Amino acid sequence: HHTTVDSSLTQLFTILCQLSYAPVHCTFVYDGDERPSHKRGTRVITAQPLLYKKSKAAVKAFGFDVVDARGDAEAELAVMNQKGIVDAILTRDGDVFPLGAQCILKVVS
């Protein structure tokens, strides 16, 4: 379990380092307590895993914002984008598009 957490945190650290050199301010949005129990047919974790806690600390250490959505993070991001609170959403998939997101930047591996 810790190997997965450590590997994910290493990847996050690399991304945070790259973003810290970009002329942007980032807001990281996490799923909240009212998130759905299933997403795309898969059961989701209902309790905040250790990874969330550690990654939030890393994000804050880089000076970026952390937001806990009431429910689904993607739905929260779409609303934030519609209201102009965030200019764009950086994501690995397009799940925020049907939720009403206006500007999506896709992560290319």
Protein backbone atom coordinates (compact mmCIF):
# COMPACT_ATOMS: atom_id res chain seq x y z
CA HIS A 1 0.00 0.00 0.00
CA HIS A 2 2.75 2.47 0.91
CA THR A 3 4.60 1.72 -2.32
CA THR A 4 1.58 2.91 -4.31
CA VAL A 5 1.28 6.03 -2.14
CA ASP A 6 5.01 6.77 -2.45
CA SER A 7 4.98 6.27 -6.24
CA SER A 8 1.92 8.50 -6.64
CA LEU A 9 3.47 11.19 -4.44
CA THR A 10 6.68 11.06 -6.49
CA GLN A 11 4.65 11.61 -9.66
CA LEU A 12 2.72 14.45 -8.00
CA PHE A 13 5.96 16.07 -6.82
CA THR A 14 7.30 16.01 -10.39
CA ILE A 15 4.10 17.65 -11.68
CA LEU A 16 4.15 20.25 -8.89
CA CYS A 17 7.77 21.11 -9.71
CA GLN A 18 6.89 21.61 -13.38
CA LEU A 19 3.80 23.68 -12.55
CA SER A 20 5.78 25.86 -10.15
CA TYR A 21 7.83 27.15 -13.11
CA ALA A 22 4.75 27.90 -15.22
CA PRO A 23 3.08 31.32 -15.10
CA VAL A 24 -0.07 29.80 -13.56
CA HIS A 25 -1.72 29.45 -10.19
CA CYS A 26 -3.28 26.03 -9.66
CA THR A 27 -6.22 24.88 -7.62
CA PHE A 28 -6.42 21.17 -6.83
CA VAL A 29 -9.94 19.90 -6.18
CA TYR A 30 -10.55 16.69 -4.24
CA ASP A 31 -13.70 14.58 -3.95
CA GLY A 32 -15.77 15.44 -0.89
CA ASP A 33 -17.87 13.46 1.55
CA GLU A 34 -20.96 13.56 -0.67
CA ARG A 35 -19.24 12.04 -3.70
CA PRO A 36 -21.11 9.22 -5.45
CA SER A 37 -20.36 5.67 -4.30
CA HIS A 38 -19.89 4.53 -7.93
CA LYS A 39 -18.14 6.25 -10.83
CA ARG A 40 -18.19 4.88 -14.39
CA GLY A 41 -19.51 1.58 -13.00
CA THR A 42 -16.70 1.24 -10.45
CA ARG A 43 -17.06 1.52 -6.69
CA VAL A 44 -15.10 4.49 -5.35
CA ILE A 45 -13.34 4.94 -2.03
CA THR A 46 -15.63 6.67 0.44
CA ALA A 47 -13.02 7.55 3.09
CA GLN A 48 -10.11 9.89 2.37
CA PRO A 49 -7.08 7.69 1.76
CA LEU A 50 -3.62 8.48 3.11
CA LEU A 51 -2.65 9.61 -0.39
CA TYR A 52 -5.19 12.47 -0.25
CA LYS A 53 -3.79 13.76 3.03
CA LYS A 54 -0.18 13.61 1.90
CA SER A 55 -0.87 15.04 -1.54
CA LYS A 56 -2.82 17.97 -0.08
CA ALA A 57 0.17 18.80 2.13
CA ALA A 58 2.48 18.72 -0.90
CA VAL A 59 0.15 20.91 -2.98
CA LYS A 60 -0.07 23.48 -0.17
CA ALA A 61 3.72 23.41 0.32
CA PHE A 62 4.10 24.53 -3.31
CA GLY A 63 1.72 27.43 -2.62
CA PHE A 64 -1.20 26.09 -4.65
CA ASP A 65 -4.79 25.99 -3.45
CA VAL A 66 -6.62 22.90 -2.21
CA VAL A 67 -10.41 22.69 -2.41
CA ASP A 68 -12.53 19.89 -1.00
CA ALA A 69 -15.62 19.55 -3.16
CA ARG A 70 -18.90 18.83 -1.46
CA GLY A 71 -19.30 15.81 -3.71
CA ASP A 72 -17.63 14.87 -6.98
CA ALA A 73 -14.46 16.87 -7.73
CA GLU A 74 -15.10 16.83 -11.48
CA ALA A 75 -18.58 18.32 -11.05
CA GLU A 76 -17.15 20.99 -8.73
CA LEU A 77 -14.44 21.84 -11.27
CA ALA A 78 -16.99 22.17 -14.07
CA VAL A 79 -19.01 24.66 -11.99
CA MET A 80 -15.86 26.57 -11.02
CA ASN A 81 -14.93 26.77 -14.71
CA GLN A 82 -18.44 27.94 -15.72
CA LYS A 83 -18.33 30.70 -13.08
CA GLY A 84 -14.84 31.85 -14.10
CA ILE A 85 -13.25 30.82 -10.79
CA VAL A 86 -10.78 28.66 -12.73
CA ASP A 87 -9.77 29.43 -16.31
CA ALA A 88 -9.16 25.84 -17.39
CA ILE A 89 -9.25 22.28 -16.10
CA LEU A 90 -6.19 20.05 -16.51
CA THR A 91 -7.28 16.40 -16.65
CA ARG A 92 -6.36 12.98 -18.02
CA ASP A 93 -9.86 12.42 -19.42
CA GLY A 94 -12.79 14.47 -20.69
CA ASP A 95 -15.24 13.56 -17.93
CA VAL A 96 -15.70 17.23 -17.00
CA PHE A 97 -16.90 18.18 -20.49
CA PRO A 98 -20.44 16.71 -20.18
CA LEU A 99 -20.65 18.36 -16.75
CA GLY A 100 -20.44 21.78 -18.39
CA ALA A 101 -16.73 22.61 -18.32
CA GLN A 102 -15.81 25.40 -20.75
CA CYS A 103 -12.04 24.91 -21.15
CA ILE A 104 -10.25 21.59 -20.74
CA LEU A 105 -6.51 20.96 -21.05
CA LYS A 106 -5.78 17.29 -21.62
CA VAL A 107 -2.74 15.64 -20.06
CA VAL A 108 -0.82 13.76 -22.73
CA SER A 109 1.30 10.91 -21.38
